[in-house]
PDB file of N, CA and C in Angstrom:
ATOM      1  N   MET A   1      13.719   2.615 -11.236  1.00  0.00           N
ATOM      2  CA  MET A   1      14.545   3.560 -10.478  1.00  0.00           C
ATOM      3  C   MET A   1      13.633   4.500  -9.696  1.00  0.00           C
ATOM      4  N   HIS A   2      14.192   5.456  -9.072  1.00  0.00           N
ATOM      5  CA  HIS A   2      13.450   6.390  -8.231  1.00  0.00           C
ATOM      6  C   HIS A   2      12.659   7.366  -9.085  1.00  0.00           C
ATOM      7  N   LYS A   3      11.339   7.282  -9.007  1.00  0.00           N
ATOM      8  CA  LYS A   3      10.474   8.090  -9.881  1.00  0.00           C
ATOM      9  C   LYS A   3      10.714   9.582  -9.732  1.00  0.00           C
ATOM     10  N   GLU A   4      10.873  10.061  -8.512  1.00  0.00           N
ATOM     11  CA  GLU A   4      11.017  11.492  -8.267  1.00  0.00           C
ATOM     12  C   GLU A   4      12.242  12.065  -8.971  1.00  0.00           C
ATOM     13  N   LEU A   5      13.267  11.255  -9.112  1.00  0.00           N
ATOM     14  CA  LEU A   5      14.493  11.729  -9.758  1.00  0.00           C
ATOM     15  C   LEU A   5      14.361  11.749 -11.274  1.00  0.00           C
ATOM     16  N   GLY A   6      13.406  10.995 -11.798  1.00  0.00           N
ATOM     17  CA  GLY A   6      13.193  10.959 -13.237  1.00  0.00           C
ATOM     18  C   GLY A   6      14.369  10.355 -13.991  1.00  0.00           C
ATOM     19  N   ILE A   7      14.971   9.336 -13.421  1.00  0.00           N
ATOM     20  CA  ILE A   7      16.136   8.700 -14.049  1.00  0.00           C
ATOM     21  C   ILE A   7      15.744   7.303 -14.506  1.00  0.00           C
ATOM     22  N   ASN A   8      16.080   6.954 -15.736  1.00  0.00           N
ATOM     23  CA  ASN A   8      15.849   5.563 -16.114  1.00  0.00           C
ATOM     24  C   ASN A   8      17.156   4.788 -15.974  1.00  0.00           C
ATOM     25  N   LEU A   9      17.057   3.477 -15.951  1.00  0.00           N
ATOM     26  CA  LEU A   9      18.223   2.662 -15.621  1.00  0.00           C
ATOM     27  C   LEU A   9      19.334   2.760 -16.653  1.00  0.00           C
ATOM     28  N   ASN A  10      18.985   2.887 -17.935  1.00  0.00           N
ATOM     29  CA  ASN A  10      20.033   2.995 -18.949  1.00  0.00           C
ATOM     30  C   ASN A  10      20.897   4.222 -18.706  1.00  0.00           C
ATOM     31  N   ASP A  11      20.245   5.353 -18.410  1.00  0.00           N
ATOM     32  CA  ASP A  11      20.995   6.571 -18.110  1.00  0.00           C
ATOM     33  C   ASP A  11      21.840   6.373 -16.860  1.00  0.00           C
ATOM     34  N   TYR A  12      21.254   5.718 -15.875  1.00  0.00           N
ATOM     35  CA  TYR A  12      21.943   5.489 -14.610  1.00  0.00           C
ATOM     36  C   TYR A  12      23.247   4.719 -14.831  1.00  0.00           C
ATOM     37  N   PHE A  13      23.190   3.670 -15.652  1.00  0.00           N
ATOM     38  CA  PHE A  13      24.381   2.845 -15.851  1.00  0.00           C
ATOM     39  C   PHE A  13      25.447   3.541 -16.691  1.00  0.00           C
ATOM     40  N   LYS A  14      25.060   4.568 -17.447  1.00  0.00           N
ATOM     41  CA  LYS A  14      26.039   5.332 -18.224  1.00  0.00           C
ATOM     42  C   LYS A  14      26.755   6.377 -17.378  1.00  0.00           C
ATOM     43  N   MET A  15      26.212   6.660 -16.201  1.00  0.00           N
ATOM     44  CA  MET A  15      26.777   7.708 -15.352  1.00  0.00           C
ATOM     45  C   MET A  15      28.102   7.292 -14.749  1.00  0.00           C
ATOM     46  N   SER A  16      28.847   8.315 -14.331  1.00  0.00           N
ATOM     47  CA  SER A  16      30.101   8.060 -13.630  1.00  0.00           C
ATOM     48  C   SER A  16      29.786   7.568 -12.217  1.00  0.00           C
ATOM     49  N   PRO A  17      30.721   6.835 -11.629  1.00  0.00           N
ATOM     50  CA  PRO A  17      30.514   6.365 -10.255  1.00  0.00           C
ATOM     51  C   PRO A  17      30.212   7.525  -9.299  1.00  0.00           C
ATOM     52  N   HIS A  18      30.867   8.672  -9.537  1.00  0.00           N
ATOM     53  CA  HIS A  18      30.661   9.832  -8.667  1.00  0.00           C
ATOM     54  C   HIS A  18      29.195  10.269  -8.698  1.00  0.00           C
ATOM     55  N   SER A  19      28.621  10.307  -9.898  1.00  0.00           N
ATOM     56  CA  SER A  19      27.214  10.693 -10.041  1.00  0.00           C
ATOM     57  C   SER A  19      26.310   9.679  -9.351  1.00  0.00           C
ATOM     58  N   ARG A  20      26.652   8.415  -9.489  1.00  0.00           N
ATOM     59  CA  ARG A  20      25.846   7.372  -8.846  1.00  0.00           C
ATOM     60  C   ARG A  20      25.845   7.547  -7.337  1.00  0.00           C
ATOM     61  N   ILE A  21      27.021   7.836  -6.787  1.00  0.00           N
ATOM     62  CA  ILE A  21      27.125   8.012  -5.336  1.00  0.00           C
ATOM     63  C   ILE A  21      26.272   9.193  -4.897  1.00  0.00           C
ATOM     64  N   ALA A  22      26.310  10.271  -5.670  1.00  0.00           N
ATOM     65  CA  ALA A  22      25.516  11.455  -5.337  1.00  0.00           C
ATOM     66  C   ALA A  22      24.029  11.108  -5.307  1.00  0.00           C
ATOM     67  N   ILE A  23      23.597  10.320  -6.284  1.00  0.00           N
ATOM     68  CA  ILE A  23      22.189   9.913  -6.347  1.00  0.00           C
ATOM     69  C   ILE A  23      21.834   9.034  -5.148  1.00  0.00           C
ATOM     70  N   HIS A  24      22.704   8.086  -4.832  1.00  0.00           N
ATOM     71  CA  HIS A  24      22.445   7.208  -3.693  1.00  0.00           C
ATOM     72  C   HIS A  24      22.316   8.012  -2.407  1.00  0.00           C
ATOM     73  N   ASN A  25      23.214   8.995  -2.240  1.00  0.00           N
ATOM     74  CA  ASN A  25      23.168   9.820  -1.035  1.00  0.00           C
ATOM     75  C   ASN A  25      21.874  10.609  -0.970  1.00  0.00           C
ATOM     76  N   PHE A  26      21.463  11.149  -2.127  1.00  0.00           N
ATOM     77  CA  PHE A  26      20.226  11.930  -2.187  1.00  0.00           C
ATOM     78  C   PHE A  26      19.029  11.053  -1.836  1.00  0.00           C
ATOM     79  N   VAL A  27      18.978   9.874  -2.431  1.00  0.00           N
ATOM     80  CA  VAL A  27      17.858   8.960  -2.184  1.00  0.00           C
ATOM     81  C   VAL A  27      17.846   8.537  -0.716  1.00  0.00           C
ATOM     82  N   ALA A  28      19.026   8.239  -0.183  1.00  0.00           N
ATOM     83  CA  ALA A  28      19.109   7.813   1.216  1.00  0.00           C
ATOM     84  C   ALA A  28      18.585   8.906   2.147  1.00  0.00           C
ATOM     85  N   LYS A  29      18.964  10.157   1.882  1.00  0.00           N
ATOM     86  CA  LYS A  29      18.490  11.269   2.715  1.00  0.00           C
ATOM     87  C   LYS A  29      16.983  11.403   2.613  1.00  0.00           C
ATOM     88  N   THR A  30      16.466  11.282   1.399  1.00  0.00           N
ATOM     89  CA  THR A  30      15.024  11.421   1.178  1.00  0.00           C
ATOM     90  C   THR A  30      14.277  10.327   1.931  1.00  0.00           C
ATOM     91  N   VAL A  31      14.773   9.103   1.833  1.00  0.00           N
ATOM     92  CA  VAL A  31      14.120   7.970   2.499  1.00  0.00           C
ATOM     93  C   VAL A  31      14.196   8.140   4.012  1.00  0.00           C
ATOM     94  N   ASP A  32      15.366   8.574   4.510  1.00  0.00           N
ATOM     95  CA  ASP A  32      15.516   8.789   5.949  1.00  0.00           C
ATOM     96  C   ASP A  32      14.503   9.808   6.450  1.00  0.00           C
ATOM     97  N   LYS A  33      14.340  10.882   5.691  1.00  0.00           N
ATOM     98  CA  LYS A  33      13.404  11.934   6.079  1.00  0.00           C
ATOM     99  C   LYS A  33      11.977  11.384   6.094  1.00  0.00           C
ATOM    100  N   GLU A  34      11.628  10.623   5.073  1.00  0.00           N
ATOM    101  CA  GLU A  34      10.282  10.042   5.015  1.00  0.00           C
ATOM    102  C   GLU A  34      10.034   9.117   6.206  1.00  0.00           C
ATOM    103  N   LEU A  35      11.048   8.328   6.566  1.00  0.00           N
ATOM    104  CA  LEU A  35      10.903   7.421   7.706  1.00  0.00           C
ATOM    105  C   LEU A  35      10.723   8.204   9.002  1.00  0.00           C
ATOM    106  N   GLU A  36      11.493   9.287   9.153  1.00  0.00           N
ATOM    107  CA  GLU A  36      11.368  10.127  10.345  1.00  0.00           C
ATOM    108  C   GLU A  36       9.965  10.709  10.441  1.00  0.00           C
ATOM    109  N   ASP A  37       9.467  11.207   9.309  1.00  0.00           N
ATOM    110  CA  ASP A  37       8.119  11.790   9.284  1.00  0.00           C
ATOM    111  C   ASP A  37       7.075  10.743   9.674  1.00  0.00           C
ATOM    112  N   MET A  38       7.258   9.520   9.171  1.00  0.00           N
ATOM    113  CA  MET A  38       6.317   8.445   9.489  1.00  0.00           C
ATOM    114  C   MET A  38       6.344   8.138  10.987  1.00  0.00           C
ATOM    115  N   LYS A  39       7.555   8.094  11.560  1.00  0.00           N
ATOM    116  CA  LYS A  39       7.687   7.823  12.991  1.00  0.00           C
ATOM    117  C   LYS A  39       6.970   8.895  13.805  1.00  0.00           C
ATOM    118  N   LYS A  40       7.133  10.155  13.387  1.00  0.00           N
ATOM    119  CA  LYS A  40       6.481  11.258  14.102  1.00  0.00           C
ATOM    120  C   LYS A  40       4.970  11.104  14.054  1.00  0.00           C
ATOM    121  N   GLU A  41       4.451  10.745  12.877  1.00  0.00           N
ATOM    122  CA  GLU A  41       2.999  10.550  12.727  1.00  0.00           C
ATOM    123  C   GLU A  41       2.508   9.440  13.651  1.00  0.00           C
ATOM    124  N   ILE A  42       3.258   8.344  13.685  1.00  0.00           N
ATOM    125  CA  ILE A  42       2.870   7.202  14.525  1.00  0.00           C
ATOM    126  C   ILE A  42       2.899   7.607  16.000  1.00  0.00           C
ATOM    127  N   ASN A  43       3.930   8.362  16.393  1.00  0.00           N
ATOM    128  CA  ASN A  43       4.037   8.788  17.791  1.00  0.00           C
ATOM    129  C   ASN A  43       2.898   9.716  18.186  1.00  0.00           C
ATOM    130  N   LYS A  44       2.468  10.561  17.253  1.00  0.00           N
ATOM    131  CA  LYS A  44       1.337  11.467  17.523  1.00  0.00           C
ATOM    132  C   LYS A  44       0.081  10.660  17.830  1.00  0.00           C
ATOM    133  N   LYS A  45      -0.145   9.616  17.037  1.00  0.00           N
ATOM    134  CA  LYS A  45      -1.343   8.791  17.206  1.00  0.00           C
ATOM    135  C   LYS A  45      -1.250   7.965  18.478  1.00  0.00           C
ATOM    136  N   GLY A  46      -0.003   7.551  18.791  1.00  0.00           N
ATOM    137  CA  GLY A  46       0.346   6.704  19.914  1.00  0.00           C
ATOM    138  C   GLY A  46      -0.742   6.534  20.906  1.00  0.00           C
TER     139      GLY A  46
END
């Protein structure tokens, strides 16, 4: 699972669907931000 969140899979599967969705949204935002930052770095080097 996502290391930064500190969640193991057993705990994840015990969670309610609502909690899972919240985690997915959080991870998606984090990944999107990381991708944006990477794009900016690449454009700087361009």
